[in-house]
Amino acid sequence: MTSDREKSPAAYEPTSVTANTPKGPVTIYVRCPPEFFSGLKLESGIGSFARYSSIIQKLEVFERVASHPEGRVALAVDDHDAVVAYAACWYPEVGDRWSKLDNLMYEMGAIEVSRNYRNLGLAETLMQMALKDELFDEKIAYMNGYCWHWDLDGTGLTMMQYRQMILNFLKKFGFQEYYTNEPNIALRQENLFMARIGSRVSAEDRIRFRNLRFGIVNR
């Protein structure tokens, strides 16, 4: 099946690579522009379930993220134009603790693979391709791991097992766990905060980050 995305490449600018999986071909698109999402749909394994809901459940959210300055969206799309996995990144919201260092902090806001497409290496490919962006060299990319967002039913894992899975996954890409007294992270022992310090982040900014983890703001 040939999609309009393949017929008219000039209308789209994201980097892409196609992987052959047991579920059929899946194409990974990185840095999708706002107009990219027309004609797509979310695969049935992404959505709202009994005890788990996807962070992003509407394509309009991807469009909003991609429209923001330095917003990044990466998608895995099957040959029926269904989104089977995604990663979305953005600057923290004004008022959020991590926004206090201006544009230094950059949130890995959401990454998910459809329940029907897990264990195929899609998350790894999404992250590998997304992190090639030079933007990450000058940012501290971070991820808030809130246990109330985790798909325990879909994976059959306990909270602590799921926590360890996230740790192991993100460590592959240079993320480390950092301790913080940020209230939402500190609310549950299962929660975690991980960050990846870009190669061009200065020693001064590293100190500012260290202090901000405990609520101290250095301008």
N, C-alpha and C. Protein backbone atom coordinates (compact mmCIF):
# COMPACT_ATOMS: atom_id res chain seq x y z
N MET A 1 0.85 -1.20 0.00
CA MET A 1 0.00 0.00 0.00
C MET A 1 0.88 1.24 0.00
N THR A 2 0.66 2.16 -0.91
CA THR A 2 1.44 3.38 -1.00
C THR A 2 0.62 4.55 -0.50
N SER A 3 1.12 5.23 0.53
CA SER A 3 0.38 6.34 1.11
C SER A 3 0.69 7.63 0.37
N ASP A 4 -0.13 8.66 0.63
CA ASP A 4 0.11 9.97 0.04
C ASP A 4 1.45 10.52 0.51
N ARG A 5 1.90 10.11 1.70
CA ARG A 5 3.18 10.56 2.21
C ARG A 5 4.32 10.10 1.29
N GLU A 6 4.16 8.91 0.72
CA GLU A 6 5.18 8.38 -0.17
C GLU A 6 5.06 8.97 -1.58
N LYS A 7 3.85 9.31 -1.97
CA LYS A 7 3.64 9.83 -3.32
C LYS A 7 4.12 11.27 -3.46
N SER A 8 4.05 12.03 -2.36
CA SER A 8 4.37 13.45 -2.45
C SER A 8 5.41 13.84 -1.41
N PRO A 9 6.63 13.32 -1.55
CA PRO A 9 7.64 13.58 -0.53
C PRO A 9 8.00 15.05 -0.39
N ALA A 10 7.80 15.84 -1.43
CA ALA A 10 8.17 17.24 -1.35
C ALA A 10 7.33 18.00 -0.34
N ALA A 11 6.14 17.47 -0.02
CA ALA A 11 5.25 18.16 0.91
C ALA A 11 5.62 17.89 2.36
N TYR A 12 6.53 16.98 2.61
CA TYR A 12 6.92 16.61 3.96
C TYR A 12 8.43 16.61 4.08
N GLU A 13 8.92 17.01 5.26
CA GLU A 13 10.35 17.14 5.42
C GLU A 13 10.95 16.26 6.52
N PRO A 14 10.19 15.43 7.21
CA PRO A 14 10.81 14.66 8.29
C PRO A 14 11.77 13.59 7.77
N THR A 15 12.77 13.30 8.58
CA THR A 15 13.65 12.17 8.29
C THR A 15 12.87 10.89 8.52
N SER A 16 13.11 9.87 7.70
CA SER A 16 12.35 8.64 7.87
C SER A 16 13.20 7.41 7.58
N VAL A 17 12.79 6.29 8.17
CA VAL A 17 13.40 5.00 7.90
C VAL A 17 12.32 3.95 8.07
N THR A 18 12.33 2.94 7.22
CA THR A 18 11.31 1.88 7.28
C THR A 18 11.91 0.59 7.82
N ALA A 19 11.20 0.00 8.77
CA ALA A 19 11.64 -1.27 9.36
C ALA A 19 10.62 -2.35 9.04
N ASN A 20 11.10 -3.52 8.68
CA ASN A 20 10.21 -4.66 8.47
C ASN A 20 10.04 -5.38 9.80
N THR A 21 8.79 -5.53 10.23
CA THR A 21 8.49 -6.16 11.51
C THR A 21 7.54 -7.33 11.27
N PRO A 22 7.36 -8.22 12.25
CA PRO A 22 6.38 -9.30 12.12
C PRO A 22 4.95 -8.80 11.89
N LYS A 23 4.72 -7.52 12.18
CA LYS A 23 3.39 -6.92 11.96
C LYS A 23 3.30 -6.23 10.61
N GLY A 24 4.38 -6.31 9.81
CA GLY A 24 4.42 -5.61 8.54
C GLY A 24 5.35 -4.41 8.61
N PRO A 25 5.54 -3.71 7.49
CA PRO A 25 6.45 -2.57 7.47
C PRO A 25 5.95 -1.41 8.34
N VAL A 26 6.87 -0.81 9.06
CA VAL A 26 6.56 0.36 9.89
C VAL A 26 7.60 1.42 9.56
N THR A 27 7.14 2.63 9.27
CA THR A 27 8.04 3.73 8.95
C THR A 27 8.13 4.70 10.12
N ILE A 28 9.37 5.02 10.50
CA ILE A 28 9.62 5.97 11.57
C ILE A 28 9.88 7.34 10.94
N TYR A 29 9.12 8.33 11.36
CA TYR A 29 9.31 9.71 10.90
C TYR A 29 9.75 10.56 12.09
N VAL A 30 10.79 11.35 11.89
CA VAL A 30 11.32 12.21 12.95
C VAL A 30 11.21 13.66 12.51
N ARG A 31 10.92 14.53 13.48
CA ARG A 31 10.73 15.96 13.25
C ARG A 31 9.58 16.21 12.28
N CYS A 32 8.44 15.66 12.62
CA CYS A 32 7.25 15.83 11.78
C CYS A 32 6.75 17.27 11.87
N PRO A 33 6.50 17.93 10.73
CA PRO A 33 5.97 19.30 10.74
C PRO A 33 4.47 19.29 11.06
N PRO A 34 3.89 20.44 11.40
CA PRO A 34 2.49 20.50 11.81
C PRO A 34 1.51 19.93 10.78
N GLU A 35 1.82 20.08 9.48
CA GLU A 35 0.89 19.61 8.45
C GLU A 35 0.98 18.11 8.19
N PHE A 36 1.86 17.43 8.90
CA PHE A 36 2.15 16.02 8.60
C PHE A 36 1.02 15.07 9.02
N PHE A 37 0.20 15.47 9.98
CA PHE A 37 -0.69 14.51 10.65
C PHE A 37 -2.04 14.32 9.98
N SER A 38 -2.32 15.12 8.97
CA SER A 38 -3.58 14.97 8.23
C SER A 38 -3.62 13.61 7.54
N GLY A 39 -4.73 12.89 7.70
CA GLY A 39 -4.89 11.58 7.06
C GLY A 39 -4.41 10.42 7.90
N LEU A 40 -3.74 10.70 9.02
CA LEU A 40 -3.31 9.62 9.91
C LEU A 40 -4.41 9.27 10.90
N LYS A 41 -4.24 8.17 11.58
CA LYS A 41 -5.15 7.75 12.65
C LYS A 41 -4.32 7.06 13.72
N LEU A 42 -4.85 6.97 14.90
CA LEU A 42 -4.17 6.25 15.98
C LEU A 42 -4.56 4.78 15.94
N GLU A 43 -3.58 3.91 16.02
CA GLU A 43 -3.83 2.47 16.04
C GLU A 43 -4.62 2.09 17.30
N SER A 44 -5.39 1.02 17.24
CA SER A 44 -6.32 0.68 18.33
C SER A 44 -5.64 0.41 19.66
N GLY A 45 -4.36 0.09 19.65
CA GLY A 45 -3.65 -0.17 20.90
C GLY A 45 -3.18 1.08 21.60
N ILE A 46 -3.48 2.24 21.03
CA ILE A 46 -3.21 3.54 21.66
C ILE A 46 -4.55 4.18 21.96
N GLY A 47 -4.81 4.50 23.22
CA GLY A 47 -6.09 5.10 23.55
C GLY A 47 -6.39 5.02 25.03
N SER A 48 -7.65 4.78 25.36
CA SER A 48 -8.08 4.75 26.75
C SER A 48 -8.56 3.34 27.09
N PHE A 49 -7.99 2.77 28.15
CA PHE A 49 -8.32 1.41 28.57
C PHE A 49 -8.81 1.44 30.02
N ALA A 50 -9.11 0.29 30.55
CA ALA A 50 -9.73 0.21 31.87
C ALA A 50 -8.91 0.91 32.95
N ARG A 51 -7.61 0.64 33.00
CA ARG A 51 -6.78 1.25 34.03
C ARG A 51 -5.54 1.92 33.46
N TYR A 52 -5.68 2.36 32.22
CA TYR A 52 -4.55 3.03 31.57
C TYR A 52 -5.06 3.88 30.41
N SER A 53 -4.56 5.10 30.32
CA SER A 53 -4.90 5.96 29.19
C SER A 53 -3.63 6.53 28.60
N SER A 54 -3.57 6.56 27.28
CA SER A 54 -2.43 7.14 26.59
C SER A 54 -2.32 8.62 26.93
N ILE A 55 -1.10 9.12 27.05
CA ILE A 55 -0.90 10.54 27.32
C ILE A 55 -1.45 11.37 26.17
N ILE A 56 -1.24 10.90 24.95
CA ILE A 56 -1.76 11.59 23.77
C ILE A 56 -2.79 10.69 23.10
N GLN A 57 -4.02 11.20 22.99
CA GLN A 57 -5.11 10.40 22.42
C GLN A 57 -5.73 11.04 21.18
N LYS A 58 -5.22 12.21 20.79
CA LYS A 58 -5.74 12.88 19.60
C LYS A 58 -4.59 13.39 18.76
N LEU A 59 -4.73 13.27 17.45
CA LEU A 59 -3.68 13.72 16.54
C LEU A 59 -3.47 15.22 16.63
N GLU A 60 -4.51 15.96 17.05
CA GLU A 60 -4.39 17.40 17.16
C GLU A 60 -3.31 17.80 18.17
N VAL A 61 -3.08 16.94 19.16
CA VAL A 61 -2.04 17.24 20.14
C VAL A 61 -0.66 17.23 19.48
N PHE A 62 -0.41 16.26 18.60
CA PHE A 62 0.85 16.22 17.87
C PHE A 62 1.04 17.50 17.06
N GLU A 63 -0.03 17.95 16.42
CA GLU A 63 0.05 19.17 15.61
C GLU A 63 0.41 20.38 16.46
N ARG A 64 -0.19 20.45 17.66
CA ARG A 64 0.12 21.58 18.55
C ARG A 64 1.58 21.53 19.00
N VAL A 65 2.07 20.34 19.34
CA VAL A 65 3.47 20.22 19.77
C VAL A 65 4.40 20.62 18.64
N ALA A 66 4.15 20.11 17.45
CA ALA A 66 5.01 20.40 16.30
C ALA A 66 4.97 21.87 15.90
N SER A 67 3.90 22.57 16.28
CA SER A 67 3.77 23.99 15.93
C SER A 67 4.54 24.89 16.88
N HIS A 68 4.91 24.39 18.06
CA HIS A 68 5.62 25.20 19.04
C HIS A 68 7.10 25.31 18.68
N PRO A 69 7.73 26.40 19.11
CA PRO A 69 9.18 26.53 18.88
C PRO A 69 9.93 25.36 19.51
N GLU A 70 10.72 24.70 18.73
CA GLU A 70 11.53 23.56 19.16
C GLU A 70 10.70 22.36 19.61
N GLY A 71 9.42 22.34 19.31
CA GLY A 71 8.63 21.13 19.58
C GLY A 71 9.06 20.02 18.63
N ARG A 72 9.09 18.80 19.12
CA ARG A 72 9.53 17.67 18.31
C ARG A 72 8.53 16.52 18.42
N VAL A 73 8.16 15.95 17.28
CA VAL A 73 7.29 14.77 17.26
C VAL A 73 7.91 13.73 16.34
N ALA A 74 8.03 12.51 16.84
CA ALA A 74 8.48 11.37 16.04
C ALA A 74 7.37 10.33 16.06
N LEU A 75 7.08 9.75 14.92
CA LEU A 75 6.00 8.78 14.81
C LEU A 75 6.48 7.49 14.15
N ALA A 76 5.86 6.39 14.55
CA ALA A 76 5.99 5.12 13.84
C ALA A 76 4.63 4.84 13.20
N VAL A 77 4.61 4.69 11.89
CA VAL A 77 3.35 4.58 11.14
C VAL A 77 3.35 3.29 10.33
N ASP A 78 2.26 2.53 10.42
CA ASP A 78 2.19 1.28 9.65
C ASP A 78 1.74 1.56 8.23
N ASP A 79 1.58 0.52 7.43
CA ASP A 79 1.24 0.74 6.02
C ASP A 79 -0.24 1.00 5.80
N HIS A 80 -0.98 1.19 6.89
CA HIS A 80 -2.39 1.62 6.80
C HIS A 80 -2.54 3.03 7.35
N ASP A 81 -1.44 3.76 7.45
CA ASP A 81 -1.42 5.13 7.95
C ASP A 81 -1.92 5.25 9.39
N ALA A 82 -1.67 4.21 10.18
CA ALA A 82 -2.01 4.24 11.60
C ALA A 82 -0.75 4.46 12.42
N VAL A 83 -0.82 5.37 13.37
CA VAL A 83 0.29 5.64 14.28
C VAL A 83 0.36 4.51 15.30
N VAL A 84 1.47 3.79 15.31
CA VAL A 84 1.62 2.65 16.21
C VAL A 84 2.59 2.95 17.36
N ALA A 85 3.29 4.07 17.28
CA ALA A 85 4.18 4.49 18.36
C ALA A 85 4.50 5.96 18.14
N TYR A 86 4.86 6.63 19.23
CA TYR A 86 5.20 8.04 19.10
C TYR A 86 6.14 8.47 20.22
N ALA A 87 6.83 9.57 19.98
CA ALA A 87 7.61 10.27 20.99
C ALA A 87 7.42 11.75 20.74
N ALA A 88 7.16 12.49 21.80
CA ALA A 88 6.93 13.93 21.67
C ALA A 88 7.71 14.66 22.75
N CYS A 89 8.36 15.76 22.35
CA CYS A 89 9.22 16.52 23.26
C CYS A 89 8.86 18.00 23.17
N TRP A 90 9.04 18.71 24.30
CA TRP A 90 8.69 20.13 24.34
C TRP A 90 9.38 20.81 25.51
N TYR A 91 9.34 22.14 25.50
CA TYR A 91 9.84 22.88 26.65
C TYR A 91 8.85 22.77 27.80
N PRO A 92 9.33 22.81 29.04
CA PRO A 92 8.39 22.77 30.17
C PRO A 92 7.48 23.98 30.19
N GLU A 93 6.29 23.80 30.74
CA GLU A 93 5.32 24.89 30.81
C GLU A 93 5.80 25.96 31.80
N VAL A 94 5.39 27.20 31.52
CA VAL A 94 5.71 28.31 32.43
C VAL A 94 5.12 27.98 33.81
N GLY A 95 5.91 28.16 34.85
CA GLY A 95 5.48 27.83 36.20
C GLY A 95 5.97 26.49 36.66
N ASP A 96 6.29 25.62 35.74
CA ASP A 96 6.91 24.34 36.07
C ASP A 96 8.31 24.60 36.63
N ARG A 97 8.73 23.80 37.60
CA ARG A 97 10.06 24.01 38.17
C ARG A 97 11.14 24.04 37.10
N TRP A 98 11.06 23.15 36.14
CA TRP A 98 12.15 23.01 35.17
C TRP A 98 12.18 24.14 34.15
N SER A 99 11.16 25.00 34.16
CA SER A 99 11.16 26.16 33.26
C SER A 99 12.00 27.30 33.81
N LYS A 100 12.45 27.19 35.04
CA LYS A 100 13.16 28.29 35.69
C LYS A 100 14.59 28.47 35.18
N LEU A 101 15.05 27.57 34.33
CA LEU A 101 16.36 27.72 33.70
C LEU A 101 16.22 28.12 32.23
N ASP A 102 15.15 28.90 31.99
CA ASP A 102 14.88 29.39 30.63
C ASP A 102 14.73 28.21 29.67
N ASN A 103 15.52 28.17 28.59
CA ASN A 103 15.36 27.11 27.59
C ASN A 103 16.40 26.01 27.72
N LEU A 104 17.02 25.90 28.88
CA LEU A 104 18.03 24.86 29.06
C LEU A 104 17.39 23.48 29.18
N MET A 105 16.26 23.39 29.91
CA MET A 105 15.61 22.11 30.16
C MET A 105 14.62 21.79 29.04
N TYR A 106 14.60 20.52 28.64
CA TYR A 106 13.77 20.11 27.51
C TYR A 106 13.13 18.77 27.85
N GLU A 107 11.81 18.74 27.87
CA GLU A 107 11.11 17.56 28.40
C GLU A 107 10.84 16.50 27.34
N MET A 108 11.24 15.27 27.65
CA MET A 108 10.80 14.12 26.88
C MET A 108 9.40 13.80 27.41
N GLY A 109 8.42 14.48 26.83
CA GLY A 109 7.10 14.52 27.43
C GLY A 109 6.30 13.24 27.32
N ALA A 110 6.44 12.52 26.21
CA ALA A 110 5.61 11.33 26.03
C ALA A 110 6.28 10.38 25.05
N ILE A 111 6.31 9.12 25.41
CA ILE A 111 6.74 8.07 24.48
C ILE A 111 5.87 6.85 24.74
N GLU A 112 5.32 6.31 23.69
CA GLU A 112 4.40 5.17 23.85
C GLU A 112 4.44 4.31 22.60
N VAL A 113 4.31 3.02 22.81
CA VAL A 113 4.14 2.06 21.72
C VAL A 113 2.78 1.38 21.92
N SER A 114 2.03 1.25 20.85
CA SER A 114 0.73 0.58 20.92
C SER A 114 0.86 -0.79 21.57
N ARG A 115 -0.15 -1.16 22.33
CA ARG A 115 -0.17 -2.50 22.93
C ARG A 115 -0.01 -3.59 21.88
N ASN A 116 -0.42 -3.32 20.66
CA ASN A 116 -0.37 -4.33 19.59
C ASN A 116 0.98 -4.37 18.87
N TYR A 117 1.90 -3.45 19.21
CA TYR A 117 3.17 -3.37 18.49
C TYR A 117 4.38 -3.36 19.42
N ARG A 118 4.21 -3.83 20.62
CA ARG A 118 5.32 -3.80 21.57
C ARG A 118 6.30 -4.95 21.34
N ASN A 119 7.51 -4.77 21.88
CA ASN A 119 8.58 -5.77 21.78
C ASN A 119 9.06 -5.97 20.35
N LEU A 120 8.95 -4.92 19.53
CA LEU A 120 9.44 -4.97 18.15
C LEU A 120 10.62 -4.02 17.93
N GLY A 121 11.08 -3.38 18.99
CA GLY A 121 12.20 -2.45 18.87
C GLY A 121 11.83 -1.06 18.39
N LEU A 122 10.53 -0.74 18.35
CA LEU A 122 10.12 0.56 17.83
C LEU A 122 10.53 1.71 18.75
N ALA A 123 10.41 1.50 20.05
CA ALA A 123 10.78 2.57 20.99
C ALA A 123 12.27 2.90 20.87
N GLU A 124 13.09 1.87 20.73
CA GLU A 124 14.53 2.09 20.58
C GLU A 124 14.84 2.89 19.32
N THR A 125 14.18 2.52 18.22
CA THR A 125 14.44 3.23 16.97
C THR A 125 13.96 4.68 17.04
N LEU A 126 12.81 4.90 17.65
CA LEU A 126 12.31 6.26 17.82
C LEU A 126 13.32 7.11 18.59
N MET A 127 13.81 6.58 19.71
CA MET A 127 14.74 7.34 20.54
C MET A 127 16.07 7.57 19.82
N GLN A 128 16.59 6.54 19.17
CA GLN A 128 17.86 6.68 18.46
C GLN A 128 17.78 7.79 17.42
N MET A 129 16.71 7.79 16.66
CA MET A 129 16.58 8.79 15.60
C MET A 129 16.31 10.18 16.17
N ALA A 130 15.46 10.26 17.19
CA ALA A 130 15.11 11.56 17.76
C ALA A 130 16.33 12.24 18.37
N LEU A 131 17.18 11.48 19.04
CA LEU A 131 18.32 12.06 19.76
C LEU A 131 19.48 12.44 18.83
N LYS A 132 19.38 12.13 17.56
CA LYS A 132 20.38 12.60 16.60
C LYS A 132 20.25 14.09 16.33
N ASP A 133 19.13 14.66 16.70
CA ASP A 133 18.88 16.08 16.53
C ASP A 133 19.92 16.88 17.33
N GLU A 134 20.61 17.82 16.69
CA GLU A 134 21.64 18.60 17.37
C GLU A 134 21.09 19.44 18.51
N LEU A 135 19.79 19.67 18.52
CA LEU A 135 19.17 20.41 19.62
C LEU A 135 19.53 19.81 20.96
N PHE A 136 19.60 18.48 21.04
CA PHE A 136 19.84 17.81 22.31
C PHE A 136 21.26 18.01 22.82
N ASP A 137 22.19 18.42 21.97
CA ASP A 137 23.56 18.65 22.42
C ASP A 137 23.65 19.83 23.37
N GLU A 138 22.73 20.78 23.24
CA GLU A 138 22.80 21.99 24.06
C GLU A 138 21.68 22.07 25.10
N LYS A 139 20.99 20.97 25.31
CA LYS A 139 19.89 20.93 26.28
C LYS A 139 20.14 19.87 27.34
N ILE A 140 19.44 20.03 28.45
CA ILE A 140 19.31 18.94 29.42
C ILE A 140 17.93 18.34 29.19
N ALA A 141 17.90 17.21 28.50
CA ALA A 141 16.63 16.52 28.25
C ALA A 141 16.26 15.73 29.50
N TYR A 142 15.01 15.80 29.89
CA TYR A 142 14.60 15.12 31.11
C TYR A 142 13.27 14.40 30.92
N MET A 143 13.03 13.44 31.77
CA MET A 143 11.80 12.66 31.74
C MET A 143 11.26 12.50 33.15
N ASN A 144 10.00 12.90 33.35
CA ASN A 144 9.31 12.67 34.61
C ASN A 144 8.62 11.31 34.53
N GLY A 145 8.98 10.39 35.40
CA GLY A 145 8.35 9.07 35.41
C GLY A 145 7.32 8.99 36.52
N TYR A 146 6.07 9.19 36.16
CA TYR A 146 4.98 9.14 37.14
C TYR A 146 4.29 7.78 37.05
N CYS A 147 4.26 7.07 38.15
CA CYS A 147 3.74 5.70 38.12
C CYS A 147 2.27 5.62 37.74
N TRP A 148 1.51 6.69 37.93
CA TRP A 148 0.09 6.65 37.58
C TRP A 148 -0.15 6.72 36.08
N HIS A 149 0.91 6.91 35.31
CA HIS A 149 0.79 6.89 33.85
C HIS A 149 1.16 5.53 33.24
N TRP A 150 1.59 4.58 34.04
CA TRP A 150 2.18 3.36 33.51
C TRP A 150 1.15 2.30 33.18
N ASP A 151 1.36 1.59 32.09
CA ASP A 151 0.43 0.54 31.64
C ASP A 151 0.78 -0.79 32.30
N LEU A 152 0.44 -0.91 33.56
CA LEU A 152 0.76 -2.13 34.31
C LEU A 152 -0.05 -3.32 33.79
N ASP A 153 -1.32 -3.10 33.47
CA ASP A 153 -2.15 -4.19 32.96
C ASP A 153 -1.62 -4.72 31.63
N GLY A 154 -1.24 -3.80 30.74
CA GLY A 154 -0.80 -4.22 29.42
C GLY A 154 0.53 -4.94 29.42
N THR A 155 1.37 -4.67 30.43
CA THR A 155 2.69 -5.30 30.49
C THR A 155 2.76 -6.46 31.48
N GLY A 156 1.83 -6.48 32.46
CA GLY A 156 1.88 -7.51 33.49
C GLY A 156 2.97 -7.28 34.51
N LEU A 157 3.53 -6.06 34.56
CA LEU A 157 4.62 -5.75 35.49
C LEU A 157 4.08 -5.09 36.75
N THR A 158 4.84 -5.21 37.83
CA THR A 158 4.56 -4.44 39.03
C THR A 158 5.10 -3.02 38.83
N MET A 159 4.75 -2.11 39.73
CA MET A 159 5.26 -0.74 39.60
C MET A 159 6.78 -0.70 39.64
N MET A 160 7.38 -1.44 40.56
CA MET A 160 8.83 -1.40 40.67
C MET A 160 9.50 -2.06 39.46
N GLN A 161 8.88 -3.09 38.90
CA GLN A 161 9.41 -3.69 37.68
C GLN A 161 9.31 -2.73 36.50
N TYR A 162 8.20 -2.02 36.43
CA TYR A 162 8.03 -1.05 35.35
C TYR A 162 9.04 0.08 35.50
N ARG A 163 9.25 0.52 36.73
CA ARG A 163 10.24 1.56 37.00
C ARG A 163 11.62 1.12 36.51
N GLN A 164 11.99 -0.12 36.82
CA GLN A 164 13.29 -0.63 36.40
C GLN A 164 13.38 -0.73 34.88
N MET A 165 12.27 -1.08 34.24
CA MET A 165 12.26 -1.15 32.78
C MET A 165 12.55 0.22 32.17
N ILE A 166 11.94 1.27 32.72
CA ILE A 166 12.19 2.63 32.22
C ILE A 166 13.65 3.01 32.43
N LEU A 167 14.17 2.72 33.62
CA LEU A 167 15.57 3.01 33.91
C LEU A 167 16.50 2.34 32.90
N ASN A 168 16.30 1.05 32.70
CA ASN A 168 17.16 0.30 31.78
C ASN A 168 17.05 0.83 30.36
N PHE A 169 15.84 1.19 29.95
CA PHE A 169 15.62 1.67 28.59
C PHE A 169 16.33 3.01 28.37
N LEU A 170 16.12 3.96 29.24
CA LEU A 170 16.67 5.29 29.03
C LEU A 170 18.17 5.36 29.24
N LYS A 171 18.71 4.48 30.07
CA LYS A 171 20.17 4.46 30.26
C LYS A 171 20.90 4.14 28.96
N LYS A 172 20.26 3.39 28.06
CA LYS A 172 20.86 3.07 26.77
C LYS A 172 21.17 4.32 25.96
N PHE A 173 20.44 5.41 26.26
CA PHE A 173 20.55 6.63 25.46
C PHE A 173 21.19 7.77 26.24
N GLY A 174 21.92 7.43 27.30
CA GLY A 174 22.68 8.44 28.02
C GLY A 174 21.93 9.13 29.15
N PHE A 175 20.73 8.68 29.46
CA PHE A 175 19.99 9.25 30.59
C PHE A 175 20.48 8.62 31.89
N GLN A 176 20.42 9.42 32.96
CA GLN A 176 20.75 8.93 34.29
C GLN A 176 19.63 9.31 35.24
N GLU A 177 19.48 8.54 36.30
CA GLU A 177 18.51 8.91 37.33
C GLU A 177 19.14 9.96 38.23
N TYR A 178 18.35 11.00 38.54
CA TYR A 178 18.79 12.05 39.45
C TYR A 178 17.75 12.20 40.56
N TYR A 179 18.24 12.45 41.76
CA TYR A 179 17.34 12.68 42.87
C TYR A 179 16.88 14.14 42.87
N THR A 180 15.64 14.36 43.24
CA THR A 180 15.06 15.69 43.29
C THR A 180 13.95 15.72 44.34
N ASN A 181 13.74 16.90 44.90
CA ASN A 181 12.61 17.04 45.83
C ASN A 181 11.40 17.66 45.14
N GLU A 182 11.39 17.69 43.83
CA GLU A 182 10.23 18.19 43.09
C GLU A 182 8.98 17.45 43.59
N PRO A 183 7.93 18.17 44.01
CA PRO A 183 6.81 17.54 44.72
C PRO A 183 6.14 16.38 44.00
N ASN A 184 5.92 16.50 42.70
CA ASN A 184 5.23 15.42 41.98
C ASN A 184 6.08 14.15 41.93
N ILE A 185 7.40 14.31 41.77
CA ILE A 185 8.29 13.15 41.77
C ILE A 185 8.35 12.54 43.16
N ALA A 186 8.45 13.39 44.17
CA ALA A 186 8.60 12.91 45.54
C ALA A 186 7.32 12.30 46.12
N LEU A 187 6.21 12.45 45.41
CA LEU A 187 4.93 11.98 45.93
C LEU A 187 4.88 10.47 46.13
N ARG A 188 5.56 9.73 45.24
CA ARG A 188 5.56 8.26 45.34
C ARG A 188 6.99 7.76 45.17
N GLN A 189 7.37 6.75 45.92
CA GLN A 189 8.73 6.21 45.82
C GLN A 189 8.97 5.55 44.46
N GLU A 190 7.90 5.12 43.80
CA GLU A 190 8.07 4.49 42.49
C GLU A 190 8.40 5.51 41.40
N ASN A 191 8.03 6.77 41.61
CA ASN A 191 8.30 7.80 40.60
C ASN A 191 9.80 7.97 40.41
N LEU A 192 10.19 8.47 39.25
CA LEU A 192 11.60 8.71 39.01
C LEU A 192 11.79 9.90 38.09
N PHE A 193 12.97 10.48 38.18
CA PHE A 193 13.35 11.62 37.35
C PHE A 193 14.66 11.26 36.68
N MET A 194 14.69 11.31 35.35
CA MET A 194 15.90 10.99 34.60
C MET A 194 16.24 12.14 33.67
N ALA A 195 17.54 12.31 33.42
CA ALA A 195 17.97 13.41 32.55
C ALA A 195 19.19 13.00 31.76
N ARG A 196 19.36 13.68 30.63
CA ARG A 196 20.50 13.47 29.73
C ARG A 196 21.12 14.83 29.46
N ILE A 197 22.34 15.05 29.90
CA ILE A 197 23.00 16.33 29.77
C ILE A 197 23.74 16.39 28.44
N GLY A 198 23.37 17.35 27.60
CA GLY A 198 23.96 17.47 26.27
C GLY A 198 25.45 17.79 26.33
N SER A 199 26.15 17.41 25.28
CA SER A 199 27.61 17.56 25.25
C SER A 199 28.06 19.01 25.28
N ARG A 200 27.19 19.95 24.88
CA ARG A 200 27.58 21.35 24.85
C ARG A 200 27.01 22.15 26.03
N VAL A 201 26.47 21.46 27.02
CA VAL A 201 25.97 22.14 28.22
C VAL A 201 27.17 22.53 29.09
N SER A 202 27.23 23.80 29.48
CA SER A 202 28.38 24.32 30.20
C SER A 202 28.43 23.81 31.64
N ALA A 203 29.62 23.94 32.24
CA ALA A 203 29.78 23.55 33.64
C ALA A 203 28.89 24.39 34.54
N GLU A 204 28.74 25.67 34.20
CA GLU A 204 27.87 26.54 34.99
C GLU A 204 26.42 26.07 34.94
N ASP A 205 25.95 25.69 33.75
CA ASP A 205 24.57 25.22 33.63
C ASP A 205 24.38 23.87 34.32
N ARG A 206 25.39 23.06 34.36
CA ARG A 206 25.29 21.79 35.09
C ARG A 206 25.10 22.05 36.59
N ILE A 207 25.76 23.08 37.11
CA ILE A 207 25.60 23.45 38.51
C ILE A 207 24.20 24.00 38.75
N ARG A 208 23.73 24.83 37.83
CA ARG A 208 22.35 25.36 37.95
C ARG A 208 21.34 24.23 37.97
N PHE A 209 21.55 23.23 37.13
CA PHE A 209 20.66 22.07 37.11
C PHE A 209 20.72 21.31 38.43
N ARG A 210 21.91 21.10 38.94
CA ARG A 210 22.05 20.40 40.22
C ARG A 210 21.29 21.13 41.32
N ASN A 211 21.41 22.43 41.37
CA ASN A 211 20.74 23.21 42.41
C ASN A 211 19.22 23.22 42.23
N LEU A 212 18.78 23.33 40.97
CA LEU A 212 17.34 23.40 40.70
C LEU A 212 16.64 22.10 41.11
N ARG A 213 17.35 20.99 41.06
CA ARG A 213 16.72 19.73 41.46
C ARG A 213 16.22 19.80 42.90
N PHE A 214 16.79 20.71 43.69
CA PHE A 214 16.37 20.87 45.08
C PHE A 214 15.77 22.25 45.34
N GLY A 215 15.26 22.85 44.26
CA GLY A 215 14.50 24.08 44.40
C GLY A 215 15.30 25.36 44.48
N ILE A 216 16.61 25.30 44.22
CA ILE A 216 17.47 26.48 44.28
C ILE A 216 17.66 27.01 42.86
N VAL A 217 17.29 28.27 42.64
CA VAL A 217 17.37 28.84 41.31
C VAL A 217 18.56 29.78 41.21
N ASN A 218 19.48 29.48 40.29
CA ASN A 218 20.63 30.34 40.01
C ASN A 218 20.43 30.97 38.65
N ARG A 219 20.30 32.27 38.62
CA ARG A 219 20.13 32.98 37.34
C ARG A 219 21.48 33.32 36.73
